[in-house]
PDB file of N, CA and C in Angstrom:
ATOM      1  N   MET A   1     -17.372  12.803  22.247  1.00  0.00           N
ATOM      2  CA  MET A   1     -16.633  12.064  23.390  1.00  0.00           C
ATOM      3  C   MET A   1     -15.264  12.811  23.396  1.00  0.00           C
ATOM      4  N   TYR A   2     -14.819  12.988  24.634  1.00  0.00           N
ATOM      5  CA  TYR A   2     -13.483  13.412  24.888  1.00  0.00           C
ATOM      6  C   TYR A   2     -12.451  12.571  25.367  1.00  0.00           C
ATOM      7  N   PHE A   3     -11.196  12.708  24.927  1.00  0.00           N
ATOM      8  CA  PHE A   3     -10.124  11.707  25.178  1.00  0.00           C
ATOM      9  C   PHE A   3      -8.846  12.433  25.680  1.00  0.00           C
ATOM     10  N   LYS A   4      -8.401  12.024  26.869  1.00  0.00           N
ATOM     11  CA  LYS A   4      -7.428  12.657  27.793  1.00  0.00           C
ATOM     12  C   LYS A   4      -6.200  12.762  26.911  1.00  0.00           C
ATOM     13  N   ASN A   5      -5.818  11.897  25.962  1.00  0.00           N
ATOM     14  CA  ASN A   5      -4.588  12.127  24.998  1.00  0.00           C
ATOM     15  C   ASN A   5      -4.913  11.154  23.744  1.00  0.00           C
ATOM     16  N   GLU A   6      -3.816  11.228  22.950  1.00  0.00           N
ATOM     17  CA  GLU A   6      -3.908  10.258  21.820  1.00  0.00           C
ATOM     18  C   GLU A   6      -3.976   9.047  21.990  1.00  0.00           C
ATOM     19  N   GLU A   7      -3.171   8.329  23.073  1.00  0.00           N
ATOM     20  CA  GLU A   7      -3.301   6.862  23.462  1.00  0.00           C
ATOM     21  C   GLU A   7      -4.753   6.344  23.703  1.00  0.00           C
ATOM     22  N   ASP A   8      -5.303   7.301  24.632  1.00  0.00           N
ATOM     23  CA  ASP A   8      -6.589   6.858  24.884  1.00  0.00           C
ATOM     24  C   ASP A   8      -7.603   6.768  23.744  1.00  0.00           C
ATOM     25  N   LEU A   9      -7.443   7.775  22.848  1.00  0.00           N
ATOM     26  CA  LEU A   9      -8.318   7.680  21.700  1.00  0.00           C
ATOM     27  C   LEU A   9      -7.845   6.481  20.631  1.00  0.00           C
ATOM     28  N   PHE A  10      -6.628   6.246  20.586  1.00  0.00           N
ATOM     29  CA  PHE A  10      -6.294   4.852  19.843  1.00  0.00           C
ATOM     30  C   PHE A  10      -6.709   3.600  20.613  1.00  0.00           C
ATOM     31  N   LYS A  11      -6.698   3.385  21.699  1.00  0.00           N
ATOM     32  CA  LYS A  11      -7.431   2.442  22.623  1.00  0.00           C
ATOM     33  C   LYS A  11      -8.703   2.236  22.329  1.00  0.00           C
ATOM     34  N   GLU A  12      -9.485   3.435  22.104  1.00  0.00           N
ATOM     35  CA  GLU A  12     -11.041   3.277  21.836  1.00  0.00           C
ATOM     36  C   GLU A  12     -11.320   2.873  20.639  1.00  0.00           C
ATOM     37  N   VAL A  13     -10.339   3.421  19.637  1.00  0.00           N
ATOM     38  CA  VAL A  13     -10.586   2.860  18.161  1.00  0.00           C
ATOM     39  C   VAL A  13     -10.295   1.646  17.888  1.00  0.00           C
ATOM     40  N   ILE A  14      -9.315   0.976  18.662  1.00  0.00           N
ATOM     41  CA  ILE A  14      -8.947  -0.461  18.654  1.00  0.00           C
ATOM     42  C   ILE A  14     -10.217  -1.284  19.257  1.00  0.00           C
ATOM     43  N   SER A  15     -10.706  -0.798  20.248  1.00  0.00           N
ATOM     44  CA  SER A  15     -11.779  -1.596  20.880  1.00  0.00           C
ATOM     45  C   SER A  15     -12.956  -1.562  20.111  1.00  0.00           C
ATOM     46  N   THR A  16     -13.474  -0.372  19.790  1.00  0.00           N
ATOM     47  CA  THR A  16     -14.852  -0.325  19.195  1.00  0.00           C
ATOM     48  C   THR A  16     -14.824  -0.311  17.710  1.00  0.00           C
ATOM     49  N   GLY A  17     -13.662  -0.169  16.887  1.00  0.00           N
ATOM     50  CA  GLY A  17     -13.713  -0.124  15.409  1.00  0.00           C
ATOM     51  C   GLY A  17     -12.855  -1.439  14.986  1.00  0.00           C
ATOM     52  N   LEU A  18     -11.401  -1.420  15.299  1.00  0.00           N
ATOM     53  CA  LEU A  18     -10.728  -2.551  14.781  1.00  0.00           C
ATOM     54  C   LEU A  18     -11.176  -3.919  15.288  1.00  0.00           C
ATOM     55  N   ALA A  19     -11.386  -3.957  16.400  1.00  0.00           N
ATOM     56  CA  ALA A  19     -11.500  -5.386  16.927  1.00  0.00           C
ATOM     57  C   ALA A  19     -12.776  -6.058  16.183  1.00  0.00           C
ATOM     58  N   PRO A  20     -14.032  -5.231  16.123  1.00  0.00           N
ATOM     59  CA  PRO A  20     -15.041  -5.990  15.505  1.00  0.00           C
ATOM     60  C   PRO A  20     -14.838  -6.378  14.029  1.00  0.00           C
ATOM     61  N   ALA A  21     -14.035  -5.657  13.308  1.00  0.00           N
ATOM     62  CA  ALA A  21     -13.572  -5.795  11.960  1.00  0.00           C
ATOM     63  C   ALA A  21     -12.781  -7.176  11.900  1.00  0.00           C
ATOM     64  N   VAL A  22     -11.822  -7.428  12.644  1.00  0.00           N
ATOM     65  CA  VAL A  22     -11.110  -8.422  12.750  1.00  0.00           C
ATOM     66  C   VAL A  22     -11.860  -9.512  13.289  1.00  0.00           C
ATOM     67  N   PHE A  23     -12.614  -9.476  14.325  1.00  0.00           N
ATOM     68  CA  PHE A  23     -13.513 -10.602  14.629  1.00  0.00           C
ATOM     69  C   PHE A  23     -14.383 -11.101  13.533  1.00  0.00           C
ATOM     70  N   SER A  24     -14.975 -10.314  12.880  1.00  0.00           N
ATOM     71  CA  SER A  24     -15.866 -10.721  11.784  1.00  0.00           C
ATOM     72  C   SER A  24     -14.930 -11.287  10.645  1.00  0.00           C
ATOM     73  N   ALA A  25     -13.607 -10.933  10.569  1.00  0.00           N
ATOM     74  CA  ALA A  25     -12.763 -11.866   9.606  1.00  0.00           C
ATOM     75  C   ALA A  25     -12.620 -13.381  10.144  1.00  0.00           C
ATOM     76  N   THR A  26     -12.325 -13.438  11.510  1.00  0.00           N
ATOM     77  CA  THR A  26     -12.305 -14.642  12.023  1.00  0.00           C
ATOM     78  C   THR A  26     -13.583 -15.481  12.193  1.00  0.00           C
ATOM     79  N   ALA A  27     -14.799 -14.846  12.161  1.00  0.00           N
ATOM     80  CA  ALA A  27     -15.975 -15.655  11.880  1.00  0.00           C
ATOM     81  C   ALA A  27     -16.055 -16.071  10.692  1.00  0.00           C
ATOM     82  N   LEU A  28     -15.617 -15.418   9.675  1.00  0.00           N
ATOM     83  CA  LEU A  28     -15.968 -16.185   8.388  1.00  0.00           C
ATOM     84  C   LEU A  28     -14.979 -17.259   7.992  1.00  0.00           C
ATOM     85  N   THR A  29     -13.911 -17.323   8.797  1.00  0.00           N
ATOM     86  CA  THR A  29     -13.195 -18.482   8.600  1.00  0.00           C
ATOM     87  C   THR A  29     -13.467 -19.563   9.520  1.00  0.00           C
ATOM     88  N   GLU A  30     -14.433 -19.566  10.174  1.00  0.00           N
ATOM     89  CA  GLU A  30     -15.115 -20.387  11.150  1.00  0.00           C
ATOM     90  C   GLU A  30     -15.913 -21.460  10.521  1.00  0.00           C
ATOM     91  N   GLU A  31     -16.309 -21.221   9.238  1.00  0.00           N
ATOM     92  CA  GLU A  31     -17.012 -21.967   8.542  1.00  0.00           C
ATOM     93  C   GLU A  31     -16.518 -23.433   7.985  1.00  0.00           C
ATOM     94  N   ASN A  32     -16.648 -24.506   8.736  1.00  0.00           N
ATOM     95  CA  ASN A  32     -16.021 -25.658   8.255  1.00  0.00           C
ATOM     96  C   ASN A  32     -16.276 -26.336   7.113  1.00  0.00           C
ATOM     97  N   ASP A  33     -17.337 -25.806   6.245  1.00  0.00           N
ATOM     98  CA  ASP A  33     -17.685 -26.541   4.997  1.00  0.00           C
ATOM     99  C   ASP A  33     -16.836 -26.192   4.078  1.00  0.00           C
ATOM    100  N   GLN A  34     -15.646 -25.231   4.302  1.00  0.00           N
ATOM    101  CA  GLN A  34     -14.698 -24.902   3.205  1.00  0.00           C
ATOM    102  C   GLN A  34     -13.284 -25.742   3.599  1.00  0.00           C
ATOM    103  N   SER A  35     -12.686 -25.861   2.412  1.00  0.00           N
ATOM    104  CA  SER A  35     -11.181 -26.248   2.698  1.00  0.00           C
ATOM    105  C   SER A  35     -10.408 -25.391   3.439  1.00  0.00           C
ATOM    106  N   SER A  36      -9.470 -25.855   4.047  1.00  0.00           N
ATOM    107  CA  SER A  36      -8.417 -25.195   4.864  1.00  0.00           C
ATOM    108  C   SER A  36      -7.791 -23.996   3.966  1.00  0.00           C
ATOM    109  N   THR A  37      -7.606 -24.242   2.722  1.00  0.00           N
ATOM    110  CA  THR A  37      -6.803 -23.335   1.933  1.00  0.00           C
ATOM    111  C   THR A  37      -7.729 -22.198   1.554  1.00  0.00           C
ATOM    112  N   LYS A  38      -9.083 -22.435   1.410  1.00  0.00           N
ATOM    113  CA  LYS A  38     -10.141 -21.427   1.034  1.00  0.00           C
ATOM    114  C   LYS A  38     -10.202 -20.511   2.488  1.00  0.00           C
ATOM    115  N   ARG A  39     -10.244 -21.042   3.595  1.00  0.00           N
ATOM    116  CA  ARG A  39     -10.511 -20.520   4.834  1.00  0.00           C
ATOM    117  C   ARG A  39      -9.357 -19.735   4.962  1.00  0.00           C
ATOM    118  N   LEU A  40      -7.976 -20.148   4.739  1.00  0.00           N
ATOM    119  CA  LEU A  40      -6.935 -19.320   5.044  1.00  0.00           C
ATOM    120  C   LEU A  40      -6.847 -18.134   4.032  1.00  0.00           C
ATOM    121  N   HIS A  41      -7.086 -18.424   2.697  1.00  0.00           N
ATOM    122  CA  HIS A  41      -7.109 -17.344   1.808  1.00  0.00           C
ATOM    123  C   HIS A  41      -8.293 -16.182   2.334  1.00  0.00           C
ATOM    124  N   ARG A  42      -9.293 -16.652   2.610  1.00  0.00           N
ATOM    125  CA  ARG A  42     -10.524 -15.559   3.146  1.00  0.00           C
ATOM    126  C   ARG A  42     -10.099 -15.132   4.197  1.00  0.00           C
ATOM    127  N   PHE A  43      -9.291 -15.473   5.335  1.00  0.00           N
ATOM    128  CA  PHE A  43      -9.019 -14.649   6.451  1.00  0.00           C
ATOM    129  C   PHE A  43      -7.746 -13.590   5.682  1.00  0.00           C
ATOM    130  N   LEU A  44      -7.028 -14.135   5.161  1.00  0.00           N
ATOM    131  CA  LEU A  44      -5.918 -13.374   4.637  1.00  0.00           C
ATOM    132  C   LEU A  44      -6.376 -12.106   3.773  1.00  0.00           C
ATOM    133  N   ARG A  45      -7.374 -12.545   3.007  1.00  0.00           N
ATOM    134  CA  ARG A  45      -7.964 -11.376   2.095  1.00  0.00           C
ATOM    135  C   ARG A  45      -8.822 -10.562   3.182  1.00  0.00           C
ATOM    136  N   THR A  46      -9.541 -10.865   3.994  1.00  0.00           N
ATOM    137  CA  THR A  46     -10.236 -10.077   4.836  1.00  0.00           C
ATOM    138  C   THR A  46      -9.331  -9.097   5.640  1.00  0.00           C
ATOM    139  N   TRP A  47      -8.363  -9.642   6.346  1.00  0.00           N
ATOM    140  CA  TRP A  47      -7.259  -8.974   6.998  1.00  0.00           C
ATOM    141  C   TRP A  47      -6.583  -7.794   6.088  1.00  0.00           C
ATOM    142  N   ARG A  48      -6.149  -8.291   4.741  1.00  0.00           N
ATOM    143  CA  ARG A  48      -5.655  -7.302   3.964  1.00  0.00           C
ATOM    144  C   ARG A  48      -6.607  -6.127   3.804  1.00  0.00           C
ATOM    145  N   CYS A  49      -7.959  -6.451   3.608  1.00  0.00           N
ATOM    146  CA  CYS A  49      -9.002  -5.548   3.358  1.00  0.00           C
ATOM    147  C   CYS A  49      -8.867  -4.449   4.466  1.00  0.00           C
ATOM    148  N   VAL A  50      -9.022  -4.986   5.752  1.00  0.00           N
ATOM    149  CA  VAL A  50      -8.997  -4.066   6.985  1.00  0.00           C
ATOM    150  C   VAL A  50      -7.842  -3.229   6.998  1.00  0.00           C
ATOM    151  N   MET A  51      -6.640  -3.683   6.644  1.00  0.00           N
ATOM    152  CA  MET A  51      -5.358  -3.089   6.692  1.00  0.00           C
ATOM    153  C   MET A  51      -5.250  -2.022   5.614  1.00  0.00           C
ATOM    154  N   TYR A  52      -5.655  -2.294   4.419  1.00  0.00           N
ATOM    155  CA  TYR A  52      -5.462  -1.548   3.303  1.00  0.00           C
ATOM    156  C   TYR A  52      -6.505  -0.586   2.823  1.00  0.00           C
ATOM    157  N   GLU A  53      -7.754  -0.975   3.220  1.00  0.00           N
ATOM    158  CA  GLU A  53      -8.654  -0.280   2.666  1.00  0.00           C
ATOM    159  C   GLU A  53      -9.686   0.289   3.641  1.00  0.00           C
ATOM    160  N   THR A  54      -9.223   0.332   4.856  1.00  0.00           N
ATOM    161  CA  THR A  54      -9.864   1.117   5.987  1.00  0.00           C
ATOM    162  C   THR A  54      -9.104   1.904   6.626  1.00  0.00           C
ATOM    163  N   PRO A  55      -9.396   2.921   7.328  1.00  0.00           N
ATOM    164  CA  PRO A  55      -8.529   3.737   8.141  1.00  0.00           C
ATOM    165  C   PRO A  55      -7.846   3.108   9.206  1.00  0.00           C
ATOM    166  N   PHE A  56      -8.067   2.025   9.631  1.00  0.00           N
ATOM    167  CA  PHE A  56      -7.344   1.390  10.662  1.00  0.00           C
ATOM    168  C   PHE A  56      -6.160   0.998  10.440  1.00  0.00           C
ATOM    169  N   GLY A  57      -5.765   0.721   8.984  1.00  0.00           N
ATOM    170  CA  GLY A  57      -4.398   0.391   8.721  1.00  0.00           C
ATOM    171  C   GLY A  57      -3.447   1.494   9.033  1.00  0.00           C
ATOM    172  N   ASN A  58      -3.849   2.775   8.785  1.00  0.00           N
ATOM    173  CA  ASN A  58      -2.830   4.004   9.244  1.00  0.00           C
ATOM    174  C   ASN A  58      -2.718   3.822  10.742  1.00  0.00           C
ATOM    175  N   LEU A  59      -3.687   3.555  11.646  1.00  0.00           N
ATOM    176  CA  LEU A  59      -3.426   3.472  12.996  1.00  0.00           C
ATOM    177  C   LEU A  59      -2.386   2.532  13.207  1.00  0.00           C
ATOM    178  N   LEU A  60      -2.662   1.421  12.750  1.00  0.00           N
ATOM    179  CA  LEU A  60      -1.671   0.276  13.037  1.00  0.00           C
ATOM    180  C   LEU A  60      -0.223   0.477  12.453  1.00  0.00           C
ATOM    181  N   LYS A  61      -0.083   1.245  11.340  1.00  0.00           N
ATOM    182  CA  LYS A  61       1.243   1.734  11.111  1.00  0.00           C
ATOM    183  C   LYS A  61       1.729   2.622  11.937  1.00  0.00           C
ATOM    184  N   LEU A  62       0.956   3.570  12.449  1.00  0.00           N
ATOM    185  CA  LEU A  62       1.461   4.502  13.567  1.00  0.00           C
ATOM    186  C   LEU A  62       1.805   3.738  14.720  1.00  0.00           C
ATOM    187  N   LEU A  63       1.117   2.722  15.204  1.00  0.00           N
ATOM    188  CA  LEU A  63       1.513   1.871  16.340  1.00  0.00           C
ATOM    189  C   LEU A  63       2.720   1.178  16.333  1.00  0.00           C
ATOM    190  N   ALA A  64       2.686   0.624  15.126  1.00  0.00           N
ATOM    191  CA  ALA A  64       4.127  -0.047  14.903  1.00  0.00           C
ATOM    192  C   ALA A  64       5.370   0.791  14.600  1.00  0.00           C
ATOM    193  N   ALA A  65       5.147   1.946  14.183  1.00  0.00           N
ATOM    194  CA  ALA A  65       6.385   2.788  14.064  1.00  0.00           C
ATOM    195  C   ALA A  65       6.569   3.410  15.223  1.00  0.00           C
ATOM    196  N   GLU A  66       5.686   3.561  16.209  1.00  0.00           N
ATOM    197  CA  GLU A  66       6.026   4.308  17.538  1.00  0.00           C
ATOM    198  C   GLU A  66       5.418   3.699  18.732  1.00  0.00           C
ATOM    199  N   PRO A  67       5.698   2.363  18.844  1.00  0.00           N
ATOM    200  CA  PRO A  67       5.369   1.673  19.955  1.00  0.00           C
ATOM    201  C   PRO A  67       5.499   2.253  21.274  1.00  0.00           C
ATOM    202  N   GLY A  68       6.822   2.882  21.350  1.00  0.00           N
ATOM    203  CA  GLY A  68       7.240   3.345  22.865  1.00  0.00           C
ATOM    204  C   GLY A  68       6.589   4.580  23.300  1.00  0.00           C
ATOM    205  N   ASN A  69       5.648   5.377  22.061  1.00  0.00           N
ATOM    206  CA  ASN A  69       4.946   6.382  22.472  1.00  0.00           C
ATOM    207  C   ASN A  69       3.577   6.115  22.867  1.00  0.00           C
ATOM    208  N   PHE A  70       3.109   4.712  22.654  1.00  0.00           N
ATOM    209  CA  PHE A  70       1.773   4.510  22.756  1.00  0.00           C
ATOM    210  C   PHE A  70       1.720   2.745  23.420  1.00  0.00           C
ATOM    211  N   PRO A  71       2.703   2.694  24.451  1.00  0.00           N
ATOM    212  CA  PRO A  71       2.461   1.521  24.911  1.00  0.00           C
ATOM    213  C   PRO A  71       1.238   0.879  25.198  1.00  0.00           C
ATOM    214  N   ASP A  72       0.336   1.283  25.884  1.00  0.00           N
ATOM    215  CA  ASP A  72      -0.797   0.839  26.289  1.00  0.00           C
ATOM    216  C   ASP A  72      -1.593   0.334  25.200  1.00  0.00           C
ATOM    217  N   ALA A  73      -1.777   1.185  24.105  1.00  0.00           N
ATOM    218  CA  ALA A  73      -2.521   0.934  22.993  1.00  0.00           C
ATOM    219  C   ALA A  73      -1.917  -0.365  22.126  1.00  0.00           C
ATOM    220  N   VAL A  74      -0.590  -0.288  22.072  1.00  0.00           N
ATOM    221  CA  VAL A  74       0.071  -1.517  21.397  1.00  0.00           C
ATOM    222  C   VAL A  74      -0.286  -2.750  22.197  1.00  0.00           C
ATOM    223  N   GLN A  75      -0.035  -2.547  23.592  1.00  0.00           N
ATOM    224  CA  GLN A  75      -0.642  -3.824  24.308  1.00  0.00           C
ATOM    225  C   GLN A  75      -2.045  -4.349  24.148  1.00  0.00           C
ATOM    226  N   ARG A  76      -3.107  -3.310  23.987  1.00  0.00           N
ATOM    227  CA  ARG A  76      -4.363  -3.661  23.792  1.00  0.00           C
ATOM    228  C   ARG A  76      -4.598  -4.286  22.268  1.00  0.00           C
ATOM    229  N   PHE A  77      -3.731  -3.764  21.590  1.00  0.00           N
ATOM    230  CA  PHE A  77      -3.931  -4.295  19.998  1.00  0.00           C
ATOM    231  C   PHE A  77      -3.390  -5.657  20.149  1.00  0.00           C
ATOM    232  N   ASN A  78      -2.069  -5.933  20.865  1.00  0.00           N
ATOM    233  CA  ASN A  78      -1.604  -7.384  20.784  1.00  0.00           C
ATOM    234  C   ASN A  78      -2.532  -8.317  21.394  1.00  0.00           C
ATOM    235  N   GLU A  79      -3.142  -7.897  22.635  1.00  0.00           N
ATOM    236  CA  GLU A  79      -3.874  -8.871  23.414  1.00  0.00           C
ATOM    237  C   GLU A  79      -5.333  -8.992  22.805  1.00  0.00           C
ATOM    238  N   SER A  80      -6.000  -8.014  22.218  1.00  0.00           N
ATOM    239  CA  SER A  80      -7.305  -8.128  21.746  1.00  0.00           C
ATOM    240  C   SER A  80      -7.514  -8.552  20.295  1.00  0.00           C
ATOM    241  N   ILE A  81      -6.482  -8.297  19.492  1.00  0.00           N
ATOM    242  CA  ILE A  81      -6.401  -8.480  18.034  1.00  0.00           C
ATOM    243  C   ILE A  81      -5.384  -9.550  17.634  1.00  0.00           C
ATOM    244  N   LEU A  82      -4.053  -8.981  17.745  1.00  0.00           N
ATOM    245  CA  LEU A  82      -3.155  -9.965  17.261  1.00  0.00           C
ATOM    246  C   LEU A  82      -3.339 -11.554  17.831  1.00  0.00           C
ATOM    247  N   ARG A  83      -3.561 -11.611  19.025  1.00  0.00           N
ATOM    248  CA  ARG A  83      -3.588 -13.027  19.582  1.00  0.00           C
ATOM    249  C   ARG A  83      -4.774 -13.840  18.999  1.00  0.00           C
ATOM    250  N   GLN A  84      -5.876 -13.070  18.771  1.00  0.00           N
ATOM    251  CA  GLN A  84      -6.949 -13.880  18.117  1.00  0.00           C
ATOM    252  C   GLN A  84      -6.687 -14.098  16.666  1.00  0.00           C
ATOM    253  N   ALA A  85      -6.059 -13.080  16.015  1.00  0.00           N
ATOM    254  CA  ALA A  85      -5.682 -13.445  14.511  1.00  0.00           C
ATOM    255  C   ALA A  85      -4.730 -14.833  14.555  1.00  0.00           C
ATOM    256  N   LYS A  86      -3.752 -14.593  15.463  1.00  0.00           N
ATOM    257  CA  LYS A  86      -2.814 -15.798  15.466  1.00  0.00           C
ATOM    258  C   LYS A  86      -3.397 -17.141  15.667  1.00  0.00           C
ATOM    259  N   ARG A  87      -4.397 -17.173  16.745  1.00  0.00           N
ATOM    260  CA  ARG A  87      -5.109 -18.448  16.976  1.00  0.00           C
ATOM    261  C   ARG A  87      -5.803 -18.931  15.801  1.00  0.00           C
ATOM    262  N   THR A  88      -6.425 -18.014  15.136  1.00  0.00           N
ATOM    263  CA  THR A  88      -7.416 -18.351  14.008  1.00  0.00           C
ATOM    264  C   THR A  88      -6.373 -18.913  12.860  1.00  0.00           C
ATOM    265  N   MET A  89      -5.329 -18.263  12.568  1.00  0.00           N
ATOM    266  CA  MET A  89      -4.368 -18.722  11.696  1.00  0.00           C
ATOM    267  C   MET A  89      -3.684 -20.183  11.846  1.00  0.00           C
ATOM    268  N   ILE A  90      -3.425 -20.480  13.100  1.00  0.00           N
ATOM    269  CA  ILE A  90      -2.979 -21.608  13.760  1.00  0.00           C
ATOM    270  C   ILE A  90      -3.937 -22.547  13.464  1.00  0.00           C
ATOM    271  N   SER A  91      -5.192 -22.450  13.996  1.00  0.00           N
ATOM    272  CA  SER A  91      -6.195 -23.253  13.839  1.00  0.00           C
ATOM    273  C   SER A  91      -6.560 -23.857  12.211  1.00  0.00           C
ATOM    274  N   ILE A  92      -6.333 -22.920  11.543  1.00  0.00           N
ATOM    275  CA  ILE A  92      -6.768 -23.199  10.101  1.00  0.00           C
ATOM    276  C   ILE A  92      -5.668 -24.046   9.489  1.00  0.00           C
ATOM    277  N   VAL A  93      -4.414 -23.633   9.808  1.00  0.00           N
ATOM    278  CA  VAL A  93      -3.202 -24.285   9.306  1.00  0.00           C
ATOM    279  C   VAL A  93      -3.210 -25.853   9.792  1.00  0.00           C
ATOM    280  N   GLU A  94      -3.505 -25.772  11.220  1.00  0.00           N
ATOM    281  CA  GLU A  94      -3.491 -27.317  11.673  1.00  0.00           C
ATOM    282  C   GLU A  94      -4.420 -28.217  11.172  1.00  0.00           C
ATOM    283  N   ALA A  95      -5.745 -27.620  10.916  1.00  0.00           N
ATOM    284  CA  ALA A  95      -6.866 -28.314  10.296  1.00  0.00           C
ATOM    285  C   ALA A  95      -6.310 -28.867   8.899  1.00  0.00           C
ATOM    286  N   GLY A  96      -5.696 -27.890   8.305  1.00  0.00           N
ATOM    287  CA  GLY A  96      -5.020 -28.516   6.681  1.00  0.00           C
ATOM    288  C   GLY A  96      -4.199 -29.334   7.015  1.00  0.00           C
ATOM    289  N   ILE A  97      -3.223 -29.327   8.118  1.00  0.00           N
ATOM    290  CA  ILE A  97      -2.159 -30.421   8.098  1.00  0.00           C
ATOM    291  C   ILE A  97      -2.845 -31.647   8.429  1.00  0.00           C
ATOM    292  N   ALA A  98      -3.688 -31.655   9.460  1.00  0.00           N
ATOM    293  CA  ALA A  98      -4.662 -32.847   9.811  1.00  0.00           C
ATOM    294  C   ALA A  98      -5.306 -33.603   8.712  1.00  0.00           C
ATOM    295  N   GLY A  99      -5.839 -32.695   8.036  1.00  0.00           N
ATOM    296  CA  GLY A  99      -6.531 -33.062   6.827  1.00  0.00           C
ATOM    297  C   GLY A  99      -5.795 -33.528   5.718  1.00  0.00           C
ATOM    298  N   GLY A 100      -4.590 -33.294   5.545  1.00  0.00           N
ATOM    299  CA  GLY A 100      -3.773 -33.701   4.585  1.00  0.00           C
ATOM    300  C   GLY A 100      -3.723 -32.683   3.468  1.00  0.00           C
ATOM    301  N   GLU A 101      -4.375 -31.627   3.746  1.00  0.00           N
ATOM    302  CA  GLU A 101      -4.359 -30.584   2.651  1.00  0.00           C
ATOM    303  C   GLU A 101      -3.000 -29.796   2.531  1.00  0.00           C
ATOM    304  N   PHE A 102      -2.436 -29.467   3.564  1.00  0.00           N
ATOM    305  CA  PHE A 102      -1.122 -28.899   3.693  1.00  0.00           C
ATOM    306  C   PHE A 102       0.139 -29.910   3.978  1.00  0.00           C
TER     307      PHE A 102
END
């Protein structure tokens, strides 16, 4: 596959590689038979694994260090991944608060 520039390559990696990894982390935390503490730990462990034990972490470091050079890729990452991760964490924390766990 040919990419016009680095940014198009990054956007493709985000869409086809990183997003599924993060969505699988989100799916793991939707099992309501676990405590909110366990769900939050599971989410954070999986997110950490994606960030530190896969090549995706390096891409994210590059996007964070040079957002002005890759604005569309950063926007795609924010919209497709960070927004979902934030919703997942908020949902877990709210459930923990509602259940008196936190």
